[in-house]
Protein backbone atom coordinates (compact mmCIF):
# COMPACT_ATOMS: atom_id res chain seq x y z
CA MET A 1 28.94 38.86 18.16
CA ARG A 2 27.46 37.84 21.46
CA GLU A 3 24.81 35.05 21.59
CA ARG A 4 21.71 35.64 19.54
CA GLU A 5 18.67 36.23 21.61
CA VAL A 6 16.27 33.58 19.90
CA PRO A 7 12.73 34.71 19.23
CA GLU A 8 10.25 32.70 21.43
CA PRO A 9 8.23 30.35 20.67
CA PHE A 10 11.33 28.88 18.67
CA VAL A 11 10.03 27.43 15.38
CA VAL A 12 11.58 25.12 12.66
CA GLU A 13 9.99 24.07 9.28
CA PRO A 14 8.14 20.85 9.25
CA TRP A 15 10.92 18.84 7.39
CA TRP A 16 12.75 18.68 10.94
CA GLY A 17 9.94 17.20 12.87
CA ARG A 18 10.89 13.62 11.72
CA PHE A 19 14.05 13.92 13.84
CA GLY A 20 12.70 14.65 17.20
CA SER A 21 13.95 16.59 20.11
CA THR A 22 17.72 16.13 19.43
CA ALA A 23 17.51 18.02 16.09
CA LEU A 24 15.55 20.67 17.77
CA THR A 25 18.33 21.03 20.36
CA LEU A 26 20.92 21.32 17.68
CA LEU A 27 18.69 23.87 15.58
CA ARG A 28 18.38 26.03 18.50
CA GLN A 29 22.16 26.29 18.92
CA ILE A 30 22.66 27.27 15.58
CA ALA A 31 20.07 29.88 15.90
CA GLN A 32 21.87 31.00 19.01
CA ARG A 33 25.30 31.21 17.20
CA PRO A 34 24.14 31.46 13.55
CA PHE A 35 27.65 32.53 12.36
CA ASP A 36 29.59 29.68 14.22
CA PRO A 37 29.97 26.78 11.59
CA LEU A 38 30.56 23.93 14.36
CA PRO A 39 27.02 23.87 15.54
CA ARG A 40 26.12 23.14 11.82
CA LEU A 41 28.69 20.66 11.10
CA ILE A 42 27.39 18.90 14.30
CA LEU A 43 24.12 18.84 12.97
CA ALA A 44 25.24 17.45 9.47
CA ASP A 45 26.85 14.40 11.35
CA PHE A 46 23.61 13.96 13.25
CA LEU A 47 21.83 13.80 9.72
CA GLU A 48 24.31 11.53 8.40
CA GLU A 49 23.82 9.07 11.25
CA ASN A 50 20.01 9.25 10.76
CA GLY A 51 19.67 8.62 7.03
CA ALA A 52 19.50 12.16 5.75
CA SER A 53 23.11 12.17 4.02
CA ALA A 54 21.89 14.43 1.22
CA ARG A 55 21.10 17.22 3.53
CA ALA A 56 24.30 16.49 5.52
CA GLU A 57 26.44 16.87 2.38
CA PHE A 58 24.51 20.04 1.52
CA ILE A 59 25.10 21.65 4.86
CA ARG A 60 28.67 20.74 4.82
CA LEU A 61 29.44 22.36 1.38
CA GLN A 62 27.56 25.47 2.28
CA VAL A 63 29.35 25.81 5.49
CA GLN A 64 32.58 26.12 3.63
CA HIS A 65 31.49 29.46 2.24
CA MET A 66 29.69 30.90 5.00
CA ARG A 67 32.25 33.56 5.59
CA GLN A 68 32.43 34.66 1.80
CA ARG A 69 28.64 34.70 1.18
CA GLU A 70 25.71 36.63 2.33
CA GLY A 71 22.41 35.06 2.90
CA TRP A 72 20.82 36.74 -0.04
CA ASP A 73 23.44 35.56 -2.71
CA ASP A 74 21.90 34.18 -5.74
CA GLU A 75 21.93 30.42 -6.30
CA ASN A 76 23.84 30.77 -9.19
CA MET A 77 26.84 31.54 -7.02
CA TRP A 78 26.61 28.07 -5.45
CA SER A 79 29.01 25.52 -6.56
CA GLN A 80 27.65 23.03 -8.97
CA ARG A 81 27.17 20.08 -6.43
CA GLU A 82 25.13 22.46 -4.19
CA GLN A 83 22.89 23.41 -7.06
CA GLU A 84 22.39 19.84 -7.95
CA LEU A 85 21.51 18.93 -4.41
CA TRP A 86 19.19 21.77 -4.01
CA ARG A 87 17.32 20.99 -7.36
CA GLN A 88 16.87 17.41 -6.38
CA GLN A 89 15.86 17.87 -2.72
CA ARG A 90 14.22 21.31 -2.62
CA ALA A 91 10.61 20.19 -2.92
CA GLU A 92 11.17 17.70 0.27
CA TRP A 93 13.41 19.96 2.20
CA LEU A 94 10.66 22.98 1.89
CA GLU A 95 7.48 20.69 2.25
CA GLY A 96 4.89 22.14 4.43
CA LEU A 97 6.25 25.83 3.94
CA PRO A 98 4.06 28.57 2.17
CA ASP A 99 5.17 29.50 -1.31
CA LEU A 100 7.28 32.29 -0.63
CA SER A 101 10.96 33.57 -1.58
CA TRP A 102 12.95 31.71 1.13
CA LEU A 103 16.69 32.25 1.58
CA VAL A 104 19.08 29.73 2.09
CA TRP A 105 22.41 30.08 4.16
CA GLY A 106 24.85 27.56 5.79
CA GLY A 107 22.61 24.74 4.51
CA LEU A 108 19.57 25.95 6.46
CA VAL A 109 16.23 27.90 5.61
CA GLU A 110 17.12 31.18 7.37
CA GLY A 111 15.50 34.12 5.59
CA LEU A 112 12.94 35.66 3.46
CA VAL A 113 12.84 37.96 0.33
CA VAL A 114 9.69 40.14 1.70
CA GLY A 115 7.20 41.40 -0.46
CA ASP A 116 4.81 42.93 2.27
CA ALA A 117 4.26 42.62 6.13
CA GLU A 118 1.58 39.89 5.61
CA GLU A 119 4.36 37.76 4.03
CA LEU A 120 6.74 38.41 6.97
CA ARG A 121 4.07 37.57 9.51
CA GLU A 122 3.29 34.19 7.67
CA ALA A 123 6.89 33.21 7.30
CA ARG A 124 7.42 33.68 11.15
CA ARG A 125 5.03 30.81 11.71
CA TYR A 126 7.17 28.36 10.16
CA VAL A 127 10.95 29.57 10.33
CA ASP A 128 13.31 31.63 12.76
CA LEU A 129 14.01 34.27 10.16
CA ARG A 130 17.67 35.67 10.54
CA TRP A 131 18.26 37.15 7.01
CA VAL A 132 15.35 39.48 5.42
CA VAL A 133 15.39 41.30 2.29
CA TRP A 134 12.65 43.85 1.70
CA ASP A 135 11.79 43.63 -1.86
CA SER A 136 9.11 46.29 -2.08
CA ARG A 137 8.46 49.76 -2.85
CA ARG A 138 6.09 49.92 0.22
CA ARG A 139 7.84 52.29 2.43
CA ARG A 140 5.08 52.78 4.71
CA ASP A 141 4.67 48.89 5.31
CA PHE A 142 8.39 48.65 6.21
CA VAL A 143 8.25 51.49 8.55
CA GLY A 144 5.23 49.91 10.17
CA VAL A 145 6.99 46.45 10.32
CA VAL A 146 9.89 48.32 12.07
CA GLY A 147 7.78 49.97 14.51
CA SER A 148 5.71 46.82 15.39
CA PRO A 149 6.26 44.84 18.83
CA ARG A 150 7.75 41.74 16.84
CA GLY A 151 8.90 43.44 13.52
CA LEU A 152 12.22 42.33 12.81
CA VAL A 153 12.89 40.86 16.08
CA GLY A 154 15.84 38.35 15.81
CA VAL A 155 17.01 39.25 12.31
CA VAL A 156 20.92 39.37 11.88
CA ALA A 157 21.03 40.56 8.45
CA LEU A 158 18.79 43.20 6.73
CA ARG A 159 18.74 44.57 3.20
CA VAL A 160 16.39 47.60 2.23
CA TRP A 161 17.23 48.94 -1.19
CA GLY A 162 15.96 52.10 -3.04
CA ILE A 163 12.48 52.49 -1.20
CA ARG A 164 13.30 56.04 -0.37
CA LEU A 165 13.32 55.60 3.38
CA GLY A 166 14.56 59.12 3.98
CA ALA A 167 15.78 60.36 7.36
CA ALA A 168 12.54 59.48 9.09
CA GLY A 169 12.51 56.04 7.94
CA ALA A 170 16.37 55.72 9.03
CA VAL A 171 15.26 57.34 12.63
CA ALA A 172 12.52 54.81 12.80
CA LEU A 173 15.11 51.84 12.13
CA ALA A 174 17.60 53.29 14.44
CA GLN A 175 15.19 53.33 17.27
CA SER A 176 14.09 49.96 17.01
CA PRO A 177 15.15 47.72 19.84
CA ASN A 178 14.36 44.41 17.82
CA LEU A 179 17.67 45.05 15.78
CA ARG A 180 20.02 44.20 18.87
CA ASN A 181 21.05 41.14 17.03
CA LEU A 182 21.94 42.90 13.62
CA THR A 183 25.32 42.34 12.14
CA THR A 184 24.66 43.22 8.71
CA LEU A 185 22.67 46.43 7.34
CA ASP A 186 22.34 47.37 3.69
CA LEU A 187 20.37 50.52 3.07
CA GLY A 188 21.72 51.48 -0.23
CA TRP A 189 19.63 54.18 -2.40
CA ASN A 190 17.30 55.27 0.39
CA GLU A 191 17.97 58.97 0.51
CA ILE A 192 18.52 59.03 4.15
CA GLY A 193 20.87 62.12 4.09
CA ASP A 194 22.87 63.42 7.17
CA ALA A 195 20.09 63.54 9.69
CA GLY A 196 19.40 59.47 8.76
CA ALA A 197 23.01 58.90 9.05
CA GLU A 198 23.55 60.59 12.39
CA ALA A 199 20.40 58.75 13.68
CA LEU A 200 22.05 55.41 12.79
CA ALA A 201 25.40 56.46 14.28
CA GLN A 202 23.72 57.23 17.64
CA SER A 203 21.66 54.04 18.02
CA PRO A 204 22.98 51.73 20.70
CA ASN A 205 20.81 49.06 19.04
CA LEU A 206 23.46 48.73 16.00
CA ARG A 207 26.22 48.12 18.15
CA ASN A 208 26.55 44.42 16.92
CA LEU A 209 27.02 45.71 13.32
CA THR A 210 29.88 44.22 11.39
CA MET A 211 29.10 45.38 7.87
CA LEU A 212 27.09 48.62 6.94
CA ASP A 213 26.41 49.56 3.37
CA LEU A 214 24.96 53.18 2.98
CA GLY A 215 25.94 53.76 -0.53
CA TRP A 216 24.28 56.55 -2.61
CA ASN A 217 22.19 58.04 0.37
CA GLU A 218 22.98 61.82 -0.01
CA ILE A 219 25.03 61.77 3.41
CA GLY A 220 27.56 64.13 2.81
CA ASP A 221 30.39 65.62 5.26
CA ALA A 222 28.19 65.90 8.17
CA GLY A 223 26.66 62.36 7.88
CA ALA A 224 30.36 60.94 7.40
CA GLU A 225 31.48 62.89 10.49
CA ALA A 226 28.61 61.64 12.67
CA LEU A 227 29.39 57.81 11.55
CA ALA A 228 32.99 58.55 12.53
CA ARG A 229 32.17 59.72 15.83
CA SER A 230 29.91 56.83 16.90
CA PRO A 231 31.49 54.53 19.48
CA HIS A 232 28.47 52.19 18.69
CA LEU A 233 30.06 51.21 15.32
CA GLN A 234 33.49 50.01 16.59
CA ASN A 235 32.87 46.43 15.77
CA LEU A 236 32.34 47.37 11.99
CA THR A 237 34.54 45.31 9.54
CA MET A 238 33.04 46.64 6.07
CA LEU A 239 31.64 50.18 5.48
CA ASP A 240 30.32 51.29 2.04
CA LEU A 241 29.82 54.85 1.67
CA GLY A 242 30.19 55.12 -2.01
CA GLY A 243 28.23 57.79 -4.03
CA ASN A 244 27.49 60.17 -1.13
CA GLY A 245 29.19 63.39 -1.75
CA ILE A 246 31.28 63.02 1.09
CA GLY A 247 34.32 65.08 -0.05
CA PRO A 248 37.76 65.80 1.65
CA ALA A 249 36.33 66.90 5.01
CA GLY A 250 34.33 63.76 5.46
CA ALA A 251 37.13 61.62 4.59
CA GLU A 252 39.29 63.35 6.88
CA ALA A 253 36.56 62.66 9.51
CA LEU A 254 36.69 59.13 9.02
CA ALA A 255 40.48 58.78 8.94
CA ARG A 256 40.41 60.66 12.68
CA SER A 257 38.25 58.07 13.89
CA PRO A 258 39.49 55.42 16.46
CA TYR A 259 36.31 53.67 16.22
CA LEU A 260 36.92 52.46 12.88
CA GLN A 261 39.97 50.54 13.40
CA ASN A 262 38.58 47.20 12.70
CA LEU A 263 37.50 48.03 9.34
CA THR A 264 38.79 45.57 6.66
CA THR A 265 36.90 46.81 3.68
CA LEU A 266 36.27 50.50 3.11
CA ASP A 267 34.56 51.74 -0.15
CA LEU A 268 34.42 55.49 -0.96
CA SER A 269 33.57 55.29 -4.58
CA ASP A 270 32.41 58.52 -6.35
CA ASN A 271 32.88 60.80 -3.54
CA GLY A 272 35.15 63.44 -4.93
CA ILE A 273 37.56 63.09 -2.17
CA GLY A 274 40.36 64.24 -4.26
CA ASP A 275 44.19 64.22 -3.25
CA ALA A 276 43.58 65.75 0.16
CA GLY A 277 41.00 62.98 1.29
CA ALA A 278 43.19 60.27 -0.17
CA GLU A 279 46.30 61.60 1.76
CA ALA A 280 44.03 61.87 4.88
CA LEU A 281 43.24 58.09 4.55
CA ALA A 282 47.04 57.31 3.86
CA GLN A 283 48.17 59.16 7.11
CA SER A 284 45.46 57.46 9.26
CA PRO A 285 46.84 55.10 11.94
CA HIS A 286 43.47 53.58 12.39
CA PHE A 287 43.50 51.73 9.06
CA GLN A 288 45.96 49.30 9.66
CA ASN A 289 43.75 46.40 9.22
CA LEU A 290 42.17 47.40 6.00
CA GLY A 291 42.64 44.60 3.21
CA THR A 292 40.24 46.29 0.58
CA LEU A 293 40.32 50.00 -0.14
CA ILE A 294 37.83 51.10 -3.01
CA LEU A 295 38.45 54.70 -4.22
CA ARG A 296 37.23 54.79 -7.68
CA TRP A 297 35.94 58.03 -9.36
CA ASN A 298 37.32 60.49 -6.50
CA GLY A 299 39.40 62.78 -8.76
CA ILE A 300 42.70 61.45 -7.07
CA GLY A 301 45.71 62.80 -8.85
CA ASP A 302 49.55 61.81 -8.60
CA ALA A 303 49.96 63.30 -5.07
CA GLY A 304 46.99 61.17 -3.85
CA ALA A 305 48.40 58.15 -5.33
CA GLU A 306 51.83 58.93 -3.94
CA ALA A 307 50.37 59.38 -0.52
CA LEU A 308 48.83 55.99 -0.61
CA ALA A 309 51.85 54.23 -1.81
CA GLN A 310 53.90 55.73 0.91
CA SER A 311 51.65 54.82 3.80
CA PRO A 312 53.02 52.19 6.33
CA HIS A 313 49.43 51.95 7.69
CA LEU A 314 48.42 50.46 4.40
CA GLN A 315 50.62 47.61 4.22
CA ASN A 316 48.02 44.93 4.74
CA LEU A 317 45.98 46.02 1.60
CA THR A 318 45.47 43.12 -0.89
CA THR A 319 43.04 45.10 -3.08
CA LEU A 320 43.45 48.71 -4.11
CA ASP A 321 40.94 50.09 -6.55
CA LEU A 322 41.69 53.46 -8.06
CA VAL A 323 39.52 53.23 -11.15
CA GLY A 324 38.41 56.58 -12.80
CA ASN A 325 40.74 58.77 -11.42
CA ARG A 326 43.54 61.23 -12.70
CA ILE A 327 46.64 59.40 -11.82
CA GLY A 328 49.34 59.79 -14.53
CA ALA A 329 52.86 58.11 -14.92
CA ALA A 330 54.19 59.75 -11.81
CA GLY A 331 51.36 58.28 -9.54
CA ALA A 332 51.79 54.93 -11.26
CA GLU A 333 55.50 55.17 -10.68
CA ALA A 334 54.85 56.13 -6.95
CA LEU A 335 52.64 52.78 -6.65
CA ALA A 336 55.29 50.63 -8.36
CA GLN A 337 57.95 51.67 -5.93
CA SER A 338 56.02 51.43 -2.67
CA SER A 339 57.56 48.92 -0.44
CA TYR A 340 54.36 48.73 1.52
CA PHE A 341 52.32 47.04 -1.26
CA TRP A 342 53.93 43.37 -0.94
CA ASN A 343 50.60 42.03 -0.10
CA LEU A 344 48.62 43.47 -3.05
CA THR A 345 46.93 40.77 -5.10
CA THR A 346 44.55 43.11 -6.99
CA LEU A 347 45.20 46.52 -8.45
CA LYS A 348 42.87 48.47 -10.36
CA LEU A 349 43.87 51.51 -12.33
CA LYS A 350 41.43 51.57 -15.36
CA ASN A 351 40.45 54.90 -16.78
CA ASN A 352 43.43 56.91 -15.35
CA ARG A 353 46.40 58.64 -17.47
CA ILE A 354 49.40 56.49 -16.84
CA GLY A 355 50.40 55.91 -20.33
CA ASP A 356 53.51 54.01 -21.70
CA ALA A 357 55.93 55.34 -18.85
CA GLY A 358 53.35 54.49 -16.07
CA ALA A 359 52.98 50.93 -17.40
CA LYS A 360 56.53 50.47 -17.54
CA ALA A 361 57.21 51.43 -14.09
CA LEU A 362 54.50 48.90 -12.89
CA ALA A 363 55.89 46.27 -15.05
CA GLN A 364 59.10 46.67 -13.73
CA SER A 365 58.45 46.69 -10.01
CA PRO A 366 59.56 43.59 -7.84
CA HIS A 367 57.18 45.08 -5.08
CA LEU A 368 54.18 44.18 -7.05
CA GLN A 369 54.92 40.53 -7.88
CA ASN A 370 52.20 38.89 -5.92
CA LEU A 371 49.65 40.43 -8.03
CA ILE A 372 47.25 38.13 -9.60
CA ARG A 373 45.05 40.89 -11.06
CA LEU A 374 46.18 44.16 -12.73
CA ASP A 375 43.55 46.35 -14.68
CA LEU A 376 45.22 49.03 -16.79
CA GLY A 377 42.50 49.52 -19.36
CA TYR A 378 41.80 52.76 -20.98
CA ASN A 379 45.04 54.55 -19.98
CA GLY A 380 46.66 55.39 -23.34
CA ILE A 381 49.00 52.51 -23.53
CA GLY A 382 50.44 51.86 -26.65
CA THR A 383 52.55 49.10 -28.32
CA ALA A 384 55.58 49.79 -26.13
CA GLY A 385 53.87 49.81 -22.87
CA ARG A 386 52.09 46.41 -23.94
CA LYS A 387 55.37 45.04 -24.65
CA VAL A 388 57.08 45.79 -21.35
CA ILE A 389 54.10 44.41 -19.58
CA ARG A 390 54.07 41.20 -21.62
CA ASN A 391 57.92 40.87 -20.87
CA SER A 392 57.74 41.59 -17.21
CA PRO A 393 59.59 38.94 -15.12
CA TYR A 394 57.37 40.18 -11.99
CA LEU A 395 53.93 40.00 -13.88
CA ARG A 396 54.08 36.26 -14.84
CA ARG A 397 51.38 34.99 -12.45
CA CYS A 398 49.18 38.05 -13.10
CA ARG A 399 46.21 38.63 -15.23
CA VAL A 400 46.81 42.03 -16.74
CA ILE A 401 44.13 43.85 -18.57
CA VAL A 402 45.34 46.52 -20.87
């Protein structure tokens, strides 16, 4: 991401006032480079030297997990020590702030769970908002915020779930120049359809996106094709299009796209892409950076599983999720024999049809010896299959669910 445009006037919460201009300078550097851990660690050192060791420790602990977490993660996901420090110090660190649903990431107050437009305006008086979750059914309120002069200016991550934005709301979002800093956009369950997907795809304001979640939006093949054609989405590393009825044609369009070659995670769950869609993905030279591929509930059979197993383009996969498909013993055997799946650590085949023969093939595969999780539940595996799995020399480090 290029350097973030910090909204002016730059504001920080009252707690920081005791540390003078040096702290303000360091906080501005963080605001300019919010995903860079180094400025936060420099700030932690400064706090340690100035008698705020608890906050310094909290920042360092949170910085360790910055790359794995999102700014709206529940506090229960934090380590025990993080939670302990937060409980002890929360009142002091938030002193002077209005009673709102603040979000903490990287050790700092960075975002808000918003109930309405007035809460957003009030929060901006105290905090440089970078993470926003719109937790409201007030669609009109949100569209108004998007179209306002300051609106979502400076926001780097935005989550808007299930308020029925529709195509018009997606168009308004796509046209907002205030989203030039956006790296994460989560619009699940918003009924944006093909037209909404196309508007987002054509927006140069979203060219800094690295994570895009459009799950369950009635997008279809045309919407998938629009996304695939977009040069503005070439920085994406994560794309979730689950539950959109995309089908084989949409999967083929995504597979052809040279703009999606930076993807490390692709979720196409519950789209009915079938064997043809799986084969198109497997044959794509643009998916060589994929580490996680989620294709659950897609009607994929043995042919699709075999195509995935034979793909040299998927050799960097660490997670392959094929839950709820139609894969039988032949498909399981193809996966087991793949010389490209050495890096797999997680393989999910729950709710398929592999039976004892498929279980035996997987258990006897030296290519899968790096697995740490193998889910084979609801596959008609009997006593013989369970025994061979239990005795497998290649699955000793693996948690197997049968």
